[in-house]
Amino acid sequence: MSNTLQEEAPRNTSHKHRCIFIHIPKAAGTSIKHALDMPGRGHLAWAYYSLCYPQLWQQYTSFTVVRNPWDRAVSIYHWAKVQDSYWFKGQLVPIDYELLASKSFEECLTILDGQRERLKSEAWHRQTVWVAGPKSLGGKVMVDRVLRFENLDHDFPKFCEDLGIEQRSLPKMNPSNRSRDYRQYYNDATRKLVERIYEPDIETFGYSF
């Protein structure tokens, strides 16, 4: 094995299991990293590994977990209303708590649609930002495997089996305090807002309301 592969694993990477995890916020990423003993925090896009660790990117299996955009928007909203800051380069950085603490879900989506710059958390980005190439080049998904949040009870064990990883349970971590049925949060107007805001995710991963 080369010196590059012997070095300490980059964030969200496992030398033991020879895989790189593209961690999309609010899509079970913390649970995945815990189950696979992956080091580090944060959400690094595929291009980071492709550019900074090209040998690993070519030789290891890259994978991600995606989530229905309507369900994910509800999860981000509830998380943002209680998460007042996050660690960035050793400092606590305020995010969207003060803005959203008193806002309804519909008000939040209206801000996301028309005043996106007011929302600071990276969690609001489209999922394709982390795993797909630029739209000008076809928007191709660049990871080897795409697991689905809605089907993780099947997808994660199958992924482990394919990589020769011993079977392990996937812990439930950082759950939102919310109804499990995301459809209860929507009316026609808010459903269409998410459809417009997250259109690339819906088209790329084939989701529907």
C-alpha atoms as a PDB file:
ATOM      1  CA  MET A   1       0.000   0.000   0.000  1.00  0.00           C
ATOM      2  CA  SER A   2       1.335   3.444  -0.870  1.00  0.00           C
ATOM      3  CA  ASN A   3       2.258   6.110   1.670  1.00  0.00           C
ATOM      4  CA  THR A   4      -0.840   8.087   0.642  1.00  0.00           C
ATOM      5  CA  LEU A   5      -3.111   5.243   1.662  1.00  0.00           C
ATOM      6  CA  GLN A   6      -1.206   4.589   4.900  1.00  0.00           C
ATOM      7  CA  GLU A   7      -1.690   8.131   6.193  1.00  0.00           C
ATOM      8  CA  GLU A   8      -4.361   9.017   8.704  1.00  0.00           C
ATOM      9  CA  ALA A   9      -7.770   8.810   7.040  1.00  0.00           C
ATOM     10  CA  PRO A  10      -9.307  12.077   5.830  1.00  0.00           C
ATOM     11  CA  ARG A  11     -12.583  13.094   7.387  1.00  0.00           C
ATOM     12  CA  ASN A  12     -15.496  10.764   6.653  1.00  0.00           C
ATOM     13  CA  THR A  13     -13.155   8.109   5.255  1.00  0.00           C
ATOM     14  CA  SER A  14     -12.318   4.593   6.422  1.00  0.00           C
ATOM     15  CA  HIS A  15      -9.055   2.943   5.409  1.00  0.00           C
ATOM     16  CA  LYS A  16     -10.224  -0.249   7.107  1.00  0.00           C
ATOM     17  CA  HIS A  17     -13.356  -0.492   4.985  1.00  0.00           C
ATOM     18  CA  ARG A  18     -11.870   1.312   1.955  1.00  0.00           C
ATOM     19  CA  CYS A  19     -14.750   3.731   1.583  1.00  0.00           C
ATOM     20  CA  ILE A  20     -15.423   7.461   1.484  1.00  0.00           C
ATOM     21  CA  PHE A  21     -18.708   8.812   2.808  1.00  0.00           C
ATOM     22  CA  ILE A  22     -20.162  11.989   1.354  1.00  0.00           C
ATOM     23  CA  HIS A  23     -22.112  13.271   4.332  1.00  0.00           C
ATOM     24  CA  ILE A  24     -25.188  15.260   3.306  1.00  0.00           C
ATOM     25  CA  PRO A  25     -26.664  17.123   6.304  1.00  0.00           C
ATOM     26  CA  LYS A  26     -29.855  15.734   7.856  1.00  0.00           C
ATOM     27  CA  ALA A  27     -29.699  12.397   6.067  1.00  0.00           C
ATOM     28  CA  ALA A  28     -28.520   9.978   8.787  1.00  0.00           C
ATOM     29  CA  GLY A  29     -24.870  10.855   8.228  1.00  0.00           C
ATOM     30  CA  THR A  30     -23.926  10.977  11.906  1.00  0.00           C
ATOM     31  CA  SER A  31     -25.350   7.490  12.381  1.00  0.00           C
ATOM     32  CA  ILE A  32     -23.461   6.168   9.344  1.00  0.00           C
ATOM     33  CA  LYS A  33     -20.137   7.601  10.549  1.00  0.00           C
ATOM     34  CA  HIS A  34     -20.678   6.222  14.031  1.00  0.00           C
ATOM     35  CA  ALA A  35     -21.453   2.743  12.689  1.00  0.00           C
ATOM     36  CA  LEU A  36     -18.347   2.698  10.478  1.00  0.00           C
ATOM     37  CA  ASP A  37     -16.029   4.428  12.989  1.00  0.00           C
ATOM     38  CA  MET A  38     -15.231   7.250  10.587  1.00  0.00           C
ATOM     39  CA  PRO A  39     -13.189  10.172  11.933  1.00  0.00           C
ATOM     40  CA  GLY A  40     -13.977  13.851  11.739  1.00  0.00           C
ATOM     41  CA  ARG A  41     -16.897  16.208  11.495  1.00  0.00           C
ATOM     42  CA  GLY A  42     -18.352  18.256   8.691  1.00  0.00           C
ATOM     43  CA  HIS A  43     -19.855  17.802   5.257  1.00  0.00           C
ATOM     44  CA  LEU A  44     -17.328  17.617   2.451  1.00  0.00           C
ATOM     45  CA  ALA A  45     -18.416  17.394  -1.183  1.00  0.00           C
ATOM     46  CA  TRP A  46     -17.167  14.757  -3.608  1.00  0.00           C
ATOM     47  CA  ALA A  47     -14.911  17.307  -5.365  1.00  0.00           C
ATOM     48  CA  TYR A  48     -12.842  17.763  -2.183  1.00  0.00           C
ATOM     49  CA  TYR A  49     -11.764  14.129  -2.219  1.00  0.00           C
ATOM     50  CA  SER A  50     -11.368  14.010  -5.984  1.00  0.00           C
ATOM     51  CA  LEU A  51      -9.006  16.988  -5.921  1.00  0.00           C
ATOM     52  CA  CYS A  52      -7.198  16.524  -2.599  1.00  0.00           C
ATOM     53  CA  TYR A  53      -7.105  12.718  -2.372  1.00  0.00           C
ATOM     54  CA  PRO A  54      -7.352  11.518  -5.992  1.00  0.00           C
ATOM     55  CA  GLN A  55      -5.797   8.119  -5.268  1.00  0.00           C
ATOM     56  CA  LEU A  56      -8.260   7.387  -2.491  1.00  0.00           C
ATOM     57  CA  TRP A  57     -11.128   8.672  -4.608  1.00  0.00           C
ATOM     58  CA  GLN A  58     -10.235   6.293  -7.414  1.00  0.00           C
ATOM     59  CA  GLN A  59      -9.537   3.239  -5.281  1.00  0.00           C
ATOM     60  CA  TYR A  60     -12.100   3.467  -2.480  1.00  0.00           C
ATOM     61  CA  THR A  61     -15.871   3.054  -2.752  1.00  0.00           C
ATOM     62  CA  SER A  62     -17.591   6.419  -2.420  1.00  0.00           C
ATOM     63  CA  PHE A  63     -21.140   6.519  -1.127  1.00  0.00           C
ATOM     64  CA  THR A  64     -23.798   8.834   0.232  1.00  0.00           C
ATOM     65  CA  VAL A  65     -27.281   8.835   1.738  1.00  0.00           C
ATOM     66  CA  VAL A  66     -29.997  10.957   0.122  1.00  0.00           C
ATOM     67  CA  ARG A  67     -33.401  11.862   1.526  1.00  0.00           C
ATOM     68  CA  ASN A  68     -36.783  12.869   0.168  1.00  0.00           C
ATOM     69  CA  PRO A  69     -36.507  16.693  -0.134  1.00  0.00           C
ATOM     70  CA  TRP A  70     -39.930  17.335   1.400  1.00  0.00           C
ATOM     71  CA  ASP A  71     -39.075  15.182   4.414  1.00  0.00           C
ATOM     72  CA  ARG A  72     -35.568  16.630   4.662  1.00  0.00           C
ATOM     73  CA  ALA A  73     -36.865  20.230   4.639  1.00  0.00           C
ATOM     74  CA  VAL A  74     -39.066  19.459   7.649  1.00  0.00           C
ATOM     75  CA  SER A  75     -36.115  17.878   9.447  1.00  0.00           C
ATOM     76  CA  ILE A  76     -33.822  20.847   8.758  1.00  0.00           C
ATOM     77  CA  TYR A  77     -36.519  23.268   9.932  1.00  0.00           C
ATOM     78  CA  HIS A  78     -36.953  21.547  13.300  1.00  0.00           C
ATOM     79  CA  TRP A  79     -33.195  21.200  13.745  1.00  0.00           C
ATOM     80  CA  ALA A  80     -32.574  24.861  12.868  1.00  0.00           C
ATOM     81  CA  LYS A  81     -35.134  26.069  15.417  1.00  0.00           C
ATOM     82  CA  VAL A  82     -33.133  24.561  18.281  1.00  0.00           C
ATOM     83  CA  GLN A  83     -29.546  24.571  16.954  1.00  0.00           C
ATOM     84  CA  ASP A  84     -28.163  27.997  17.806  1.00  0.00           C
ATOM     85  CA  SER A  85     -24.572  27.540  16.598  1.00  0.00           C
ATOM     86  CA  TYR A  86     -22.019  25.119  15.201  1.00  0.00           C
ATOM     87  CA  TRP A  87     -18.269  24.647  15.385  1.00  0.00           C
ATOM     88  CA  PHE A  88     -16.306  26.029  12.425  1.00  0.00           C
ATOM     89  CA  LYS A  89     -12.505  26.196  12.488  1.00  0.00           C
ATOM     90  CA  GLY A  90     -12.466  26.061  16.266  1.00  0.00           C
ATOM     91  CA  GLN A  91     -15.117  28.744  16.803  1.00  0.00           C
ATOM     92  CA  LEU A  92     -18.824  28.674  17.542  1.00  0.00           C
ATOM     93  CA  VAL A  93     -20.645  30.274  14.620  1.00  0.00           C
ATOM     94  CA  PRO A  94     -24.301  31.360  14.989  1.00  0.00           C
ATOM     95  CA  ILE A  95     -26.676  29.983  12.391  1.00  0.00           C
ATOM     96  CA  ASP A  96     -30.445  30.255  11.960  1.00  0.00           C
ATOM     97  CA  TYR A  97     -31.907  29.921  15.437  1.00  0.00           C
ATOM     98  CA  GLU A  98     -32.652  33.617  16.029  1.00  0.00           C
ATOM     99  CA  LEU A  99     -34.245  34.001  12.609  1.00  0.00           C
ATOM    100  CA  LEU A 100     -36.411  30.882  12.736  1.00  0.00           C
ATOM    101  CA  ALA A 101     -37.229  30.415  16.434  1.00  0.00           C
ATOM    102  CA  SER A 102     -40.611  32.108  16.069  1.00  0.00           C
ATOM    103  CA  LYS A 103     -41.229  31.285  12.392  1.00  0.00           C
ATOM    104  CA  SER A 104     -43.716  28.763  11.074  1.00  0.00           C
ATOM    105  CA  PHE A 105     -42.638  26.133   8.580  1.00  0.00           C
ATOM    106  CA  GLU A 106     -44.334  28.037   5.763  1.00  0.00           C
ATOM    107  CA  GLU A 107     -42.577  31.279   6.771  1.00  0.00           C
ATOM    108  CA  CYS A 108     -39.276  29.408   6.806  1.00  0.00           C
ATOM    109  CA  LEU A 109     -39.806  28.073   3.275  1.00  0.00           C
ATOM    110  CA  THR A 110     -40.775  31.532   2.059  1.00  0.00           C
ATOM    111  CA  ILE A 111     -37.468  32.890   3.368  1.00  0.00           C
ATOM    112  CA  LEU A 112     -35.612  29.966   1.795  1.00  0.00           C
ATOM    113  CA  ASP A 113     -37.271  30.654  -1.542  1.00  0.00           C
ATOM    114  CA  GLY A 114     -36.975  34.435  -1.688  1.00  0.00           C
ATOM    115  CA  GLN A 115     -34.262  35.452   0.810  1.00  0.00           C
ATOM    116  CA  ARG A 116     -31.883  32.517   0.799  1.00  0.00           C
ATOM    117  CA  GLU A 117     -28.961  34.684   1.934  1.00  0.00           C
ATOM    118  CA  ARG A 118     -30.594  35.134   5.362  1.00  0.00           C
ATOM    119  CA  LEU A 119     -30.205  31.439   6.144  1.00  0.00           C
ATOM    120  CA  LYS A 120     -26.645  30.598   7.153  1.00  0.00           C
ATOM    121  CA  SER A 121     -26.641  26.835   7.674  1.00  0.00           C
ATOM    122  CA  GLU A 122     -25.201  24.715   4.866  1.00  0.00           C
ATOM    123  CA  ALA A 123     -27.939  22.184   5.581  1.00  0.00           C
ATOM    124  CA  TRP A 124     -30.311  24.191   3.383  1.00  0.00           C
ATOM    125  CA  HIS A 125     -28.235  23.475   0.259  1.00  0.00           C
ATOM    126  CA  ARG A 126     -29.520  21.040  -2.326  1.00  0.00           C
ATOM    127  CA  GLN A 127     -28.189  17.524  -1.936  1.00  0.00           C
ATOM    128  CA  THR A 128     -26.743  17.571  -5.436  1.00  0.00           C
ATOM    129  CA  VAL A 129     -24.247  20.193  -4.212  1.00  0.00           C
ATOM    130  CA  TRP A 130     -22.409  17.407  -2.375  1.00  0.00           C
ATOM    131  CA  VAL A 131     -22.630  14.518  -4.795  1.00  0.00           C
ATOM    132  CA  ALA A 132     -23.167  15.718  -8.366  1.00  0.00           C
ATOM    133  CA  GLY A 133     -21.108  17.511 -10.968  1.00  0.00           C
ATOM    134  CA  PRO A 134     -22.132  20.928 -12.324  1.00  0.00           C
ATOM    135  CA  LYS A 135     -25.333  21.112 -14.309  1.00  0.00           C
ATOM    136  CA  SER A 136     -23.383  22.559 -17.240  1.00  0.00           C
ATOM    137  CA  LEU A 137     -21.603  19.189 -17.483  1.00  0.00           C
ATOM    138  CA  GLY A 138     -24.768  17.128 -17.128  1.00  0.00           C
ATOM    139  CA  GLY A 139     -25.110  17.064 -13.351  1.00  0.00           C
ATOM    140  CA  LYS A 140     -23.862  13.462 -13.138  1.00  0.00           C
ATOM    141  CA  VAL A 141     -23.858  11.825  -9.705  1.00  0.00           C
ATOM    142  CA  MET A 142     -20.179  11.269  -8.889  1.00  0.00           C
ATOM    143  CA  VAL A 143     -20.360   8.752  -6.040  1.00  0.00           C
ATOM    144  CA  ASP A 144     -20.316   4.985  -6.527  1.00  0.00           C
ATOM    145  CA  ARG A 145     -23.293   4.167  -4.328  1.00  0.00           C
ATOM    146  CA  VAL A 146     -26.408   6.105  -3.338  1.00  0.00           C
ATOM    147  CA  LEU A 147     -28.276   4.819  -0.304  1.00  0.00           C
ATOM    148  CA  ARG A 148     -31.733   6.126   0.526  1.00  0.00           C
ATOM    149  CA  PHE A 149     -32.684   7.404   3.961  1.00  0.00           C
ATOM    150  CA  GLU A 150     -36.168   5.931   3.541  1.00  0.00           C
ATOM    151  CA  ASN A 151     -34.736   2.474   2.902  1.00  0.00           C
ATOM    152  CA  LEU A 152     -31.657   2.399   5.139  1.00  0.00           C
ATOM    153  CA  ASP A 153     -32.777  -0.711   6.997  1.00  0.00           C
ATOM    154  CA  HIS A 154     -32.182  -2.531   3.707  1.00  0.00           C
ATOM    155  CA  ASP A 155     -29.640  -0.334   1.927  1.00  0.00           C
ATOM    156  CA  PHE A 156     -27.061  -0.056   4.706  1.00  0.00           C
ATOM    157  CA  PRO A 157     -26.775  -3.806   5.485  1.00  0.00           C
ATOM    158  CA  LYS A 158     -26.556  -4.510   1.739  1.00  0.00           C
ATOM    159  CA  PHE A 159     -23.803  -1.904   1.372  1.00  0.00           C
ATOM    160  CA  CYS A 160     -21.883  -3.466   4.271  1.00  0.00           C
ATOM    161  CA  GLU A 161     -22.301  -6.923   2.783  1.00  0.00           C
ATOM    162  CA  ASP A 162     -21.008  -5.800  -0.610  1.00  0.00           C
ATOM    163  CA  LEU A 163     -17.905  -4.254   0.986  1.00  0.00           C
ATOM    164  CA  GLY A 164     -17.270  -7.236   3.232  1.00  0.00           C
ATOM    165  CA  ILE A 165     -18.043  -5.259   6.386  1.00  0.00           C
ATOM    166  CA  GLU A 166     -19.353  -7.281   9.294  1.00  0.00           C
ATOM    167  CA  GLN A 167     -23.023  -6.633   9.959  1.00  0.00           C
ATOM    168  CA  ARG A 168     -23.660  -3.868  12.468  1.00  0.00           C
ATOM    169  CA  SER A 169     -26.653  -1.906  13.681  1.00  0.00           C
ATOM    170  CA  LEU A 170     -27.277   1.652  12.565  1.00  0.00           C
ATOM    171  CA  PRO A 171     -27.961   3.823  15.636  1.00  0.00           C
ATOM    172  CA  LYS A 172     -30.634   6.525  15.602  1.00  0.00           C
ATOM    173  CA  MET A 173     -28.737   9.759  16.263  1.00  0.00           C
ATOM    174  CA  ASN A 174     -29.740  13.457  16.205  1.00  0.00           C
ATOM    175  CA  PRO A 175     -33.436  12.785  15.521  1.00  0.00           C
ATOM    176  CA  SER A 176     -35.752  15.774  15.147  1.00  0.00           C
ATOM    177  CA  ASN A 177     -38.690  16.265  17.506  1.00  0.00           C
ATOM    178  CA  ARG A 178     -41.422  16.122  14.881  1.00  0.00           C
ATOM    179  CA  SER A 179     -44.198  14.045  13.372  1.00  0.00           C
ATOM    180  CA  ARG A 180     -42.883  11.114  11.367  1.00  0.00           C
ATOM    181  CA  ASP A 181     -45.258  11.879   8.479  1.00  0.00           C
ATOM    182  CA  TYR A 182     -43.755  14.891   6.698  1.00  0.00           C
ATOM    183  CA  ARG A 183     -46.888  15.324   4.569  1.00  0.00           C
ATOM    184  CA  GLN A 184     -48.716  16.721   7.595  1.00  0.00           C
ATOM    185  CA  TYR A 185     -46.553  19.847   7.385  1.00  0.00           C
ATOM    186  CA  TYR A 186     -47.560  20.779   3.864  1.00  0.00           C
ATOM    187  CA  ASN A 187     -50.288  22.503   1.944  1.00  0.00           C
ATOM    188  CA  ASP A 188     -50.354  22.961  -1.832  1.00  0.00           C
ATOM    189  CA  ALA A 189     -48.330  26.166  -1.675  1.00  0.00           C
ATOM    190  CA  THR A 190     -45.522  24.816   0.528  1.00  0.00           C
ATOM    191  CA  ARG A 191     -45.361  21.560  -1.397  1.00  0.00           C
ATOM    192  CA  LYS A 192     -44.756  23.531  -4.591  1.00  0.00           C
ATOM    193  CA  LEU A 193     -42.174  25.736  -2.866  1.00  0.00           C
ATOM    194  CA  VAL A 194     -40.040  22.724  -2.003  1.00  0.00           C
ATOM    195  CA  GLU A 195     -40.602  21.320  -5.470  1.00  0.00           C
ATOM    196  CA  ARG A 196     -39.138  24.507  -6.933  1.00  0.00           C
ATOM    197  CA  ILE A 197     -36.324  25.008  -4.437  1.00  0.00           C
ATOM    198  CA  TYR A 198     -35.091  21.422  -4.539  1.00  0.00           C
ATOM    199  CA  GLU A 199     -35.948  20.589  -8.144  1.00  0.00           C
ATOM    200  CA  PRO A 200     -32.426  19.241  -8.914  1.00  0.00           C
ATOM    201  CA  ASP A 201     -32.648  16.793  -5.994  1.00  0.00           C
ATOM    202  CA  ILE A 202     -36.123  15.651  -6.997  1.00  0.00           C
ATOM    203  CA  GLU A 203     -35.108  15.079 -10.615  1.00  0.00           C
ATOM    204  CA  THR A 204     -31.712  13.527  -9.887  1.00  0.00           C
ATOM    205  CA  PHE A 205     -32.903  11.029  -7.287  1.00  0.00           C
ATOM    206  CA  GLY A 206     -36.439  10.470  -8.573  1.00  0.00           C
ATOM    207  CA  TYR A 207     -38.351  11.611  -5.505  1.00  0.00           C
ATOM    208  CA  SER A 208     -42.021  12.528  -5.362  1.00  0.00           C
ATOM    209  CA  PHE A 209     -44.179  14.044  -2.657  1.00  0.00           C
END
